[in-house]
Amino acid sequence: MAFHLLQRDREGAGRLAGALSEALGAIRHCAQCNNFSETELCDLCATGERDPRLLCVIETPADLLMMELTRAYQGLYFVLMGRLSPLEGIGPNEIGMQRLLERAGDGITEEVILATNFTAEGEATAHAVGELLRQRGLKVTRIARGVPVGGELEYVDSGTLAQALLERRPTSL
């Protein structure tokens, strides 16, 4: 992208540089959910229309956007801005673990939904966060995984299919 802008759209490159500079000066972390925001509280936290008893823990702002696109969740969020990765030097302090524990222990939160990615690091993060929250008496759940909606079994990888079998649940009538 940089080469393209430098070769074919130097004016566009200047506009992009200015916009990035403005964003760096204006964007900060929401005091409640840790997502990016231009104000102390982001729009989701400030609305007052979300269910404060539910707290969904996610890795990135992009994950929050995907969750919101589902329109299936009406609680609040906490964005870790990463995941535990000891090999990369990312520990509990780098993902705001203390802020999350304080946020979840606010006396209002009843359930924490762990929605980290199903990678080795995401699983490790979910496990560590879950253990710390359970020790504080909170109900902790994990988003489900398995066969995608509209997916055909012959095209699903064996790991996903095995996980779907392990996490099967009773049918509803």
N, C-alpha and C. Protein backbone atom coordinates (compact mmCIF):
# COMPACT_ATOMS: atom_id res chain seq x y z
N MET A 1 0.82 -1.18 0.00
CA MET A 1 0.00 0.00 0.00
C MET A 1 0.87 1.25 0.00
N ALA A 2 1.92 1.23 0.81
CA ALA A 2 2.81 2.39 0.88
C ALA A 2 3.45 2.66 -0.48
N PHE A 3 3.94 1.61 -1.15
CA PHE A 3 4.55 1.79 -2.47
C PHE A 3 3.54 2.35 -3.47
N HIS A 4 2.33 1.81 -3.44
CA HIS A 4 1.29 2.28 -4.36
C HIS A 4 1.02 3.77 -4.13
N LEU A 5 0.84 4.17 -2.88
CA LEU A 5 0.57 5.57 -2.59
C LEU A 5 1.73 6.47 -3.00
N LEU A 6 2.95 6.03 -2.73
CA LEU A 6 4.11 6.83 -3.09
C LEU A 6 4.28 6.94 -4.61
N GLN A 7 3.95 5.89 -5.33
CA GLN A 7 4.12 5.90 -6.78
C GLN A 7 2.97 6.57 -7.51
N ARG A 8 1.74 6.38 -7.02
CA ARG A 8 0.59 6.78 -7.83
C ARG A 8 -0.33 7.80 -7.18
N ASP A 9 -0.22 8.02 -5.88
CA ASP A 9 -1.16 8.92 -5.22
C ASP A 9 -0.50 9.60 -4.03
N ARG A 10 0.47 10.43 -4.31
CA ARG A 10 1.19 11.11 -3.23
C ARG A 10 0.25 12.01 -2.43
N GLU A 11 -0.71 12.62 -3.09
CA GLU A 11 -1.68 13.46 -2.39
C GLU A 11 -2.51 12.60 -1.42
N GLY A 12 -2.92 11.43 -1.86
CA GLY A 12 -3.66 10.50 -1.01
C GLY A 12 -2.80 10.05 0.17
N ALA A 13 -1.52 9.85 -0.09
CA ALA A 13 -0.60 9.46 0.98
C ALA A 13 -0.55 10.56 2.05
N GLY A 14 -0.53 11.81 1.60
CA GLY A 14 -0.52 12.93 2.54
C GLY A 14 -1.79 13.00 3.36
N ARG A 15 -2.95 12.76 2.71
CA ARG A 15 -4.22 12.75 3.44
C ARG A 15 -4.26 11.61 4.46
N LEU A 16 -3.76 10.44 4.04
CA LEU A 16 -3.72 9.31 4.96
C LEU A 16 -2.82 9.59 6.15
N ALA A 17 -1.67 10.18 5.90
CA ALA A 17 -0.74 10.52 6.98
C ALA A 17 -1.38 11.51 7.95
N GLY A 18 -2.09 12.50 7.42
CA GLY A 18 -2.77 13.47 8.28
C GLY A 18 -3.87 12.84 9.11
N ALA A 19 -4.64 11.94 8.48
CA ALA A 19 -5.72 11.26 9.20
C ALA A 19 -5.16 10.38 10.31
N LEU A 20 -4.06 9.67 10.03
CA LEU A 20 -3.44 8.84 11.05
C LEU A 20 -2.90 9.68 12.19
N SER A 21 -2.32 10.81 11.86
CA SER A 21 -1.79 11.70 12.89
C SER A 21 -2.92 12.21 13.79
N GLU A 22 -4.04 12.60 13.18
CA GLU A 22 -5.19 13.05 13.96
C GLU A 22 -5.72 11.93 14.86
N ALA A 23 -5.81 10.73 14.31
CA ALA A 23 -6.32 9.59 15.07
C ALA A 23 -5.42 9.30 16.27
N LEU A 24 -4.11 9.36 16.07
CA LEU A 24 -3.19 9.11 17.17
C LEU A 24 -3.39 10.10 18.31
N GLY A 25 -3.75 11.33 17.97
CA GLY A 25 -3.98 12.35 19.00
C GLY A 25 -5.34 12.25 19.65
N ALA A 26 -6.34 11.69 18.94
CA ALA A 26 -7.71 11.70 19.44
C ALA A 26 -8.16 10.38 20.04
N ILE A 27 -7.61 9.29 19.59
CA ILE A 27 -8.08 7.98 20.03
C ILE A 27 -7.39 7.55 21.32
N ARG A 28 -8.18 7.05 22.24
CA ARG A 28 -7.68 6.52 23.50
C ARG A 28 -8.47 5.26 23.83
N HIS A 29 -8.25 4.72 25.01
CA HIS A 29 -8.99 3.53 25.43
C HIS A 29 -10.18 3.93 26.28
N CYS A 30 -11.31 3.29 26.04
CA CYS A 30 -12.51 3.50 26.85
C CYS A 30 -12.18 3.13 28.29
N ALA A 31 -12.59 3.95 29.22
CA ALA A 31 -12.29 3.73 30.64
C ALA A 31 -12.98 2.48 31.18
N GLN A 32 -14.02 2.02 30.51
CA GLN A 32 -14.76 0.87 31.02
C GLN A 32 -14.41 -0.43 30.29
N CYS A 33 -14.41 -0.41 28.95
CA CYS A 33 -14.24 -1.67 28.21
C CYS A 33 -12.86 -1.81 27.56
N ASN A 34 -12.06 -0.77 27.54
CA ASN A 34 -10.72 -0.78 26.99
C ASN A 34 -10.69 -0.75 25.45
N ASN A 35 -11.84 -0.62 24.80
CA ASN A 35 -11.87 -0.50 23.34
C ASN A 35 -11.37 0.88 22.96
N PHE A 36 -11.10 1.08 21.68
CA PHE A 36 -10.72 2.41 21.22
C PHE A 36 -11.91 3.35 21.28
N SER A 37 -11.66 4.60 21.63
CA SER A 37 -12.73 5.58 21.73
C SER A 37 -12.15 6.98 21.61
N GLU A 38 -12.97 7.91 21.17
CA GLU A 38 -12.56 9.32 21.14
C GLU A 38 -12.97 10.03 22.42
N THR A 39 -13.79 9.38 23.23
CA THR A 39 -14.28 9.95 24.48
C THR A 39 -13.90 9.02 25.63
N GLU A 40 -14.12 9.47 26.87
CA GLU A 40 -13.76 8.64 28.01
C GLU A 40 -14.47 7.30 27.99
N LEU A 41 -15.77 7.32 27.65
CA LEU A 41 -16.53 6.08 27.49
C LEU A 41 -16.92 5.95 26.02
N CYS A 42 -16.75 4.75 25.47
CA CYS A 42 -17.15 4.52 24.08
C CYS A 42 -18.67 4.54 23.98
N ASP A 43 -19.17 4.54 22.76
CA ASP A 43 -20.61 4.60 22.55
C ASP A 43 -21.36 3.42 23.19
N LEU A 44 -20.79 2.22 23.11
CA LEU A 44 -21.46 1.05 23.68
C LEU A 44 -21.57 1.15 25.20
N CYS A 45 -20.53 1.60 25.84
CA CYS A 45 -20.55 1.71 27.30
C CYS A 45 -21.41 2.88 27.77
N ALA A 46 -21.45 3.93 27.00
CA ALA A 46 -22.17 5.13 27.39
C ALA A 46 -23.67 5.04 27.18
N THR A 47 -24.11 4.13 26.33
CA THR A 47 -25.52 4.08 25.97
C THR A 47 -26.45 3.77 27.13
N GLY A 48 -26.04 2.93 28.06
CA GLY A 48 -26.91 2.56 29.18
C GLY A 48 -27.99 1.58 28.78
N GLU A 49 -28.02 1.15 27.53
CA GLU A 49 -29.05 0.23 27.04
C GLU A 49 -28.56 -1.22 26.98
N ARG A 50 -27.32 -1.46 27.35
CA ARG A 50 -26.76 -2.81 27.33
C ARG A 50 -26.99 -3.49 28.67
N ASP A 51 -26.97 -4.83 28.68
CA ASP A 51 -27.17 -5.58 29.91
C ASP A 51 -25.86 -5.59 30.71
N PRO A 52 -25.78 -4.87 31.82
CA PRO A 52 -24.53 -4.77 32.57
C PRO A 52 -24.16 -6.05 33.33
N ARG A 53 -25.07 -7.02 33.37
CA ARG A 53 -24.80 -8.28 34.07
C ARG A 53 -23.93 -9.21 33.24
N LEU A 54 -23.85 -8.94 31.92
CA LEU A 54 -23.06 -9.77 31.00
C LEU A 54 -21.82 -9.03 30.55
N LEU A 55 -20.68 -9.70 30.62
CA LEU A 55 -19.42 -9.11 30.19
C LEU A 55 -18.72 -10.11 29.26
N CYS A 56 -18.50 -9.70 28.03
CA CYS A 56 -17.85 -10.56 27.04
C CYS A 56 -16.40 -10.12 26.88
N VAL A 57 -15.48 -11.04 27.09
CA VAL A 57 -14.05 -10.75 26.98
C VAL A 57 -13.58 -11.19 25.61
N ILE A 58 -13.01 -10.23 24.86
CA ILE A 58 -12.53 -10.49 23.51
C ILE A 58 -11.10 -9.99 23.37
N GLU A 59 -10.43 -10.42 22.31
CA GLU A 59 -9.03 -10.07 22.11
C GLU A 59 -8.82 -8.69 21.49
N THR A 60 -9.60 -8.33 20.48
CA THR A 60 -9.32 -7.11 19.71
C THR A 60 -10.59 -6.32 19.40
N PRO A 61 -10.43 -5.05 19.04
CA PRO A 61 -11.58 -4.26 18.59
C PRO A 61 -12.27 -4.88 17.37
N ALA A 62 -11.52 -5.52 16.49
CA ALA A 62 -12.12 -6.17 15.33
C ALA A 62 -13.05 -7.30 15.77
N ASP A 63 -12.67 -8.02 16.84
CA ASP A 63 -13.53 -9.07 17.37
C ASP A 63 -14.83 -8.48 17.92
N LEU A 64 -14.74 -7.32 18.55
CA LEU A 64 -15.93 -6.65 19.06
C LEU A 64 -16.87 -6.31 17.90
N LEU A 65 -16.33 -5.80 16.82
CA LEU A 65 -17.17 -5.47 15.67
C LEU A 65 -17.88 -6.71 15.13
N MET A 66 -17.18 -7.82 15.05
CA MET A 66 -17.79 -9.06 14.57
C MET A 66 -18.91 -9.52 15.52
N MET A 67 -18.67 -9.42 16.81
CA MET A 67 -19.71 -9.79 17.78
C MET A 67 -20.95 -8.90 17.60
N GLU A 68 -20.72 -7.63 17.40
CA GLU A 68 -21.84 -6.71 17.23
C GLU A 68 -22.62 -6.98 15.93
N LEU A 69 -21.93 -7.42 14.90
CA LEU A 69 -22.61 -7.73 13.63
C LEU A 69 -23.60 -8.87 13.79
N THR A 70 -23.40 -9.74 14.77
CA THR A 70 -24.33 -10.85 14.99
C THR A 70 -25.67 -10.37 15.52
N ARG A 71 -25.67 -9.25 16.20
CA ARG A 71 -26.86 -8.72 16.88
C ARG A 71 -27.45 -9.74 17.86
N ALA A 72 -26.63 -10.69 18.31
CA ALA A 72 -27.07 -11.74 19.21
C ALA A 72 -26.66 -11.47 20.65
N TYR A 73 -25.85 -10.46 20.88
CA TYR A 73 -25.32 -10.18 22.21
C TYR A 73 -25.64 -8.75 22.59
N GLN A 74 -26.21 -8.57 23.79
CA GLN A 74 -26.60 -7.23 24.23
C GLN A 74 -25.93 -6.81 25.53
N GLY A 75 -24.89 -7.53 25.92
CA GLY A 75 -24.16 -7.18 27.14
C GLY A 75 -23.05 -6.20 26.85
N LEU A 76 -22.13 -6.09 27.80
CA LEU A 76 -20.98 -5.20 27.67
C LEU A 76 -19.73 -6.02 27.34
N TYR A 77 -18.65 -5.35 27.04
CA TYR A 77 -17.41 -5.99 26.60
C TYR A 77 -16.22 -5.56 27.45
N PHE A 78 -15.17 -6.37 27.35
CA PHE A 78 -13.84 -5.95 27.77
C PHE A 78 -12.88 -6.42 26.69
N VAL A 79 -12.14 -5.48 26.10
CA VAL A 79 -11.21 -5.79 25.02
C VAL A 79 -9.80 -5.91 25.61
N LEU A 80 -9.22 -7.09 25.48
CA LEU A 80 -7.88 -7.34 26.03
C LEU A 80 -6.77 -6.63 25.25
N MET A 81 -7.01 -6.32 24.00
CA MET A 81 -5.99 -5.75 23.11
C MET A 81 -4.83 -6.72 22.90
N GLY A 82 -5.16 -8.00 22.87
CA GLY A 82 -4.16 -9.02 22.63
C GLY A 82 -4.52 -10.31 23.31
N ARG A 83 -3.55 -11.20 23.43
CA ARG A 83 -3.73 -12.46 24.10
C ARG A 83 -2.41 -12.87 24.71
N LEU A 84 -2.48 -13.74 25.70
CA LEU A 84 -1.25 -14.19 26.35
C LEU A 84 -0.37 -14.92 25.34
N SER A 85 0.90 -14.58 25.34
CA SER A 85 1.85 -15.24 24.44
C SER A 85 3.24 -15.10 25.06
N PRO A 86 3.59 -16.02 25.96
CA PRO A 86 4.88 -15.92 26.65
C PRO A 86 6.07 -15.87 25.69
N LEU A 87 5.98 -16.56 24.57
CA LEU A 87 7.08 -16.54 23.61
C LEU A 87 7.31 -15.15 23.01
N GLU A 88 6.26 -14.34 22.96
CA GLU A 88 6.36 -12.98 22.45
C GLU A 88 6.49 -11.96 23.58
N GLY A 89 6.59 -12.44 24.81
CA GLY A 89 6.72 -11.53 25.95
C GLY A 89 5.43 -10.86 26.35
N ILE A 90 4.30 -11.45 25.97
CA ILE A 90 3.00 -10.87 26.31
C ILE A 90 2.41 -11.66 27.48
N GLY A 91 2.40 -11.03 28.63
CA GLY A 91 1.89 -11.64 29.84
C GLY A 91 0.63 -10.95 30.32
N PRO A 92 0.18 -11.27 31.52
CA PRO A 92 -1.06 -10.69 32.06
C PRO A 92 -1.06 -9.16 32.10
N ASN A 93 0.07 -8.54 32.39
CA ASN A 93 0.12 -7.07 32.46
C ASN A 93 -0.10 -6.43 31.09
N GLU A 94 0.39 -7.07 30.03
CA GLU A 94 0.28 -6.50 28.69
C GLU A 94 -1.15 -6.58 28.13
N ILE A 95 -1.97 -7.46 28.66
CA ILE A 95 -3.35 -7.55 28.17
C ILE A 95 -4.35 -6.96 29.16
N GLY A 96 -3.88 -6.25 30.14
CA GLY A 96 -4.77 -5.55 31.06
C GLY A 96 -5.55 -6.46 31.99
N MET A 97 -4.93 -7.54 32.42
CA MET A 97 -5.62 -8.51 33.28
C MET A 97 -6.16 -7.87 34.56
N GLN A 98 -5.38 -7.00 35.18
CA GLN A 98 -5.84 -6.37 36.41
C GLN A 98 -7.06 -5.50 36.16
N ARG A 99 -7.06 -4.75 35.07
CA ARG A 99 -8.23 -3.93 34.72
C ARG A 99 -9.46 -4.80 34.50
N LEU A 100 -9.26 -5.95 33.84
CA LEU A 100 -10.38 -6.86 33.60
C LEU A 100 -10.92 -7.39 34.93
N LEU A 101 -10.04 -7.79 35.83
CA LEU A 101 -10.49 -8.32 37.12
C LEU A 101 -11.27 -7.27 37.90
N GLU A 102 -10.81 -6.03 37.86
CA GLU A 102 -11.52 -4.95 38.53
C GLU A 102 -12.88 -4.72 37.88
N ARG A 103 -12.90 -4.72 36.54
CA ARG A 103 -14.14 -4.49 35.80
C ARG A 103 -15.15 -5.60 36.07
N ALA A 104 -14.70 -6.86 36.03
CA ALA A 104 -15.61 -7.99 36.25
C ALA A 104 -16.06 -8.08 37.70
N GLY A 105 -15.26 -7.57 38.61
CA GLY A 105 -15.60 -7.62 40.04
C GLY A 105 -16.35 -6.40 40.51
N ASP A 106 -17.07 -5.74 39.62
CA ASP A 106 -17.76 -4.49 39.97
C ASP A 106 -19.02 -4.69 40.80
N GLY A 107 -19.41 -5.94 41.07
CA GLY A 107 -20.62 -6.19 41.84
C GLY A 107 -21.87 -6.23 40.99
N ILE A 108 -21.77 -5.88 39.72
CA ILE A 108 -22.90 -5.89 38.80
C ILE A 108 -22.80 -7.09 37.85
N THR A 109 -21.59 -7.38 37.42
CA THR A 109 -21.36 -8.46 36.47
C THR A 109 -21.71 -9.81 37.11
N GLU A 110 -22.55 -10.58 36.41
CA GLU A 110 -22.95 -11.90 36.89
C GLU A 110 -22.32 -13.02 36.07
N GLU A 111 -22.10 -12.77 34.77
CA GLU A 111 -21.52 -13.79 33.90
C GLU A 111 -20.48 -13.16 33.00
N VAL A 112 -19.35 -13.83 32.89
CA VAL A 112 -18.30 -13.40 31.97
C VAL A 112 -18.22 -14.44 30.87
N ILE A 113 -18.38 -13.98 29.63
CA ILE A 113 -18.32 -14.85 28.46
C ILE A 113 -16.95 -14.69 27.83
N LEU A 114 -16.20 -15.77 27.75
CA LEU A 114 -14.87 -15.74 27.15
C LEU A 114 -15.01 -16.00 25.66
N ALA A 115 -14.66 -15.00 24.86
CA ALA A 115 -14.79 -15.10 23.41
C ALA A 115 -13.44 -14.84 22.74
N THR A 116 -12.40 -15.43 23.31
CA THR A 116 -11.08 -15.33 22.67
C THR A 116 -11.03 -16.32 21.52
N ASN A 117 -10.06 -16.14 20.65
CA ASN A 117 -9.94 -17.01 19.48
C ASN A 117 -9.58 -18.43 19.89
N PHE A 118 -9.87 -19.37 19.00
CA PHE A 118 -9.58 -20.77 19.27
C PHE A 118 -8.20 -21.16 18.75
N THR A 119 -7.22 -20.31 19.04
CA THR A 119 -5.82 -20.60 18.76
C THR A 119 -5.19 -21.05 20.07
N ALA A 120 -3.95 -21.53 20.01
CA ALA A 120 -3.28 -21.95 21.25
C ALA A 120 -3.22 -20.79 22.24
N GLU A 121 -2.87 -19.59 21.75
CA GLU A 121 -2.77 -18.43 22.63
C GLU A 121 -4.14 -18.01 23.15
N GLY A 122 -5.15 -18.04 22.28
CA GLY A 122 -6.50 -17.68 22.70
C GLY A 122 -7.05 -18.63 23.75
N GLU A 123 -6.77 -19.92 23.57
CA GLU A 123 -7.22 -20.92 24.54
C GLU A 123 -6.50 -20.72 25.88
N ALA A 124 -5.21 -20.46 25.83
CA ALA A 124 -4.45 -20.22 27.05
C ALA A 124 -4.96 -18.98 27.77
N THR A 125 -5.27 -17.96 27.01
CA THR A 125 -5.81 -16.72 27.58
C THR A 125 -7.16 -16.98 28.24
N ALA A 126 -8.03 -17.70 27.54
CA ALA A 126 -9.35 -18.01 28.09
C ALA A 126 -9.21 -18.82 29.38
N HIS A 127 -8.31 -19.77 29.37
CA HIS A 127 -8.11 -20.60 30.57
C HIS A 127 -7.63 -19.76 31.75
N ALA A 128 -6.62 -18.93 31.51
CA ALA A 128 -6.06 -18.11 32.60
C ALA A 128 -7.09 -17.12 33.13
N VAL A 129 -7.77 -16.44 32.22
CA VAL A 129 -8.78 -15.46 32.63
C VAL A 129 -9.91 -16.17 33.37
N GLY A 130 -10.35 -17.29 32.82
CA GLY A 130 -11.45 -18.03 33.44
C GLY A 130 -11.13 -18.48 34.85
N GLU A 131 -9.92 -19.00 35.06
CA GLU A 131 -9.53 -19.44 36.40
C GLU A 131 -9.53 -18.29 37.39
N LEU A 132 -8.99 -17.16 37.00
CA LEU A 132 -8.94 -16.01 37.90
C LEU A 132 -10.34 -15.50 38.23
N LEU A 133 -11.23 -15.51 37.26
CA LEU A 133 -12.59 -15.02 37.49
C LEU A 133 -13.41 -16.00 38.33
N ARG A 134 -13.23 -17.29 38.09
CA ARG A 134 -13.94 -18.30 38.90
C ARG A 134 -13.50 -18.21 40.37
N GLN A 135 -12.22 -17.94 40.60
CA GLN A 135 -11.72 -17.79 41.97
C GLN A 135 -12.42 -16.65 42.70
N ARG A 136 -12.93 -15.70 41.93
CA ARG A 136 -13.63 -14.54 42.51
C ARG A 136 -15.14 -14.77 42.57
N GLY A 137 -15.56 -16.01 42.29
CA GLY A 137 -16.98 -16.36 42.42
C GLY A 137 -17.85 -15.98 41.25
N LEU A 138 -17.27 -15.65 40.12
CA LEU A 138 -18.07 -15.27 38.96
C LEU A 138 -18.40 -16.47 38.09
N LYS A 139 -19.56 -16.43 37.46
CA LYS A 139 -19.93 -17.45 36.48
C LYS A 139 -19.15 -17.15 35.21
N VAL A 140 -18.43 -18.15 34.70
CA VAL A 140 -17.62 -17.98 33.50
C VAL A 140 -18.07 -18.99 32.46
N THR A 141 -18.35 -18.51 31.25
CA THR A 141 -18.71 -19.38 30.15
C THR A 141 -17.77 -19.11 28.97
N ARG A 142 -17.78 -20.04 28.01
CA ARG A 142 -16.92 -19.93 26.82
C ARG A 142 -17.81 -20.05 25.61
N ILE A 143 -17.56 -19.23 24.58
CA ILE A 143 -18.36 -19.36 23.37
C ILE A 143 -18.16 -20.76 22.80
N ALA A 144 -19.19 -21.25 22.12
CA ALA A 144 -19.13 -22.59 21.54
C ALA A 144 -18.33 -22.58 20.24
N ARG A 145 -17.97 -23.76 19.82
CA ARG A 145 -17.28 -23.91 18.55
C ARG A 145 -17.77 -25.20 17.91
N GLY A 146 -17.60 -25.29 16.63
CA GLY A 146 -18.03 -26.50 15.94
C GLY A 146 -18.31 -26.24 14.49
N VAL A 147 -19.24 -26.99 13.95
CA VAL A 147 -19.58 -26.92 12.53
C VAL A 147 -20.24 -25.56 12.26
N PRO A 148 -19.77 -24.83 11.25
CA PRO A 148 -20.37 -23.52 10.97
C PRO A 148 -21.79 -23.65 10.42
N VAL A 149 -22.60 -22.63 10.66
CA VAL A 149 -23.95 -22.60 10.13
C VAL A 149 -23.86 -22.68 8.61
N GLY A 150 -24.63 -23.58 8.03
CA GLY A 150 -24.61 -23.76 6.59
C GLY A 150 -23.47 -24.64 6.11
N GLY A 151 -22.64 -25.12 7.03
CA GLY A 151 -21.50 -25.94 6.66
C GLY A 151 -21.90 -27.38 6.35
N GLU A 152 -21.16 -28.00 5.48
CA GLU A 152 -21.39 -29.40 5.16
C GLU A 152 -20.27 -30.22 5.76
N LEU A 153 -20.62 -31.33 6.40
CA LEU A 153 -19.65 -32.13 7.15
C LEU A 153 -18.46 -32.56 6.31
N GLU A 154 -18.68 -32.87 5.05
CA GLU A 154 -17.57 -33.36 4.23
C GLU A 154 -16.50 -32.29 4.01
N TYR A 155 -16.82 -31.02 4.24
CA TYR A 155 -15.87 -29.94 4.03
C TYR A 155 -15.29 -29.36 5.32
N VAL A 156 -15.75 -29.88 6.47
CA VAL A 156 -15.28 -29.40 7.76
C VAL A 156 -14.01 -30.16 8.13
N ASP A 157 -13.01 -29.45 8.67
CA ASP A 157 -11.78 -30.14 9.06
C ASP A 157 -12.06 -31.07 10.24
N SER A 158 -11.24 -32.10 10.38
CA SER A 158 -11.48 -33.14 11.38
C SER A 158 -11.40 -32.61 12.80
N GLY A 159 -10.54 -31.62 13.07
CA GLY A 159 -10.45 -31.04 14.41
C GLY A 159 -11.73 -30.34 14.81
N THR A 160 -12.30 -29.58 13.89
CA THR A 160 -13.56 -28.88 14.17
C THR A 160 -14.69 -29.88 14.38
N LEU A 161 -14.75 -30.89 13.54
CA LEU A 161 -15.79 -31.90 13.67
C LEU A 161 -15.65 -32.67 14.99
N ALA A 162 -14.42 -33.01 15.37
CA ALA A 162 -14.19 -33.70 16.65
C ALA A 162 -14.64 -32.82 17.82
N GLN A 163 -14.33 -31.53 17.76
CA GLN A 163 -14.74 -30.62 18.83
C GLN A 163 -16.25 -30.50 18.88
N ALA A 164 -16.91 -30.47 17.73
CA ALA A 164 -18.37 -30.40 17.69
C ALA A 164 -18.99 -31.63 18.34
N LEU A 165 -18.39 -32.79 18.12
CA LEU A 165 -18.88 -34.02 18.75
C LEU A 165 -18.68 -33.97 20.27
N LEU A 166 -17.53 -33.52 20.70
CA LEU A 166 -17.25 -33.44 22.13
C LEU A 166 -18.17 -32.45 22.85
N GLU A 167 -18.54 -31.37 22.16
CA GLU A 167 -19.36 -30.33 22.78
C GLU A 167 -20.83 -30.40 22.37
N ARG A 168 -21.27 -31.57 21.96
CA ARG A 168 -22.67 -31.72 21.54
C ARG A 168 -23.59 -31.43 22.71
N ARG A 169 -24.84 -31.12 22.41
CA ARG A 169 -25.81 -30.80 23.45
C ARG A 169 -27.16 -31.40 23.06
N PRO A 170 -28.05 -31.54 24.02
CA PRO A 170 -29.37 -32.11 23.72
C PRO A 170 -30.14 -31.21 22.75
N THR A 171 -30.97 -31.83 21.91
CA THR A 171 -31.80 -31.05 21.01
C THR A 171 -32.98 -30.49 21.75
N SER A 172 -33.51 -29.39 21.29
CA SER A 172 -34.70 -28.82 21.91
C SER A 172 -35.91 -29.22 21.08
N LEU A 173 -37.02 -29.40 21.73
CA LEU A 173 -38.24 -29.83 21.03
C LEU A 173 -39.01 -28.66 20.52
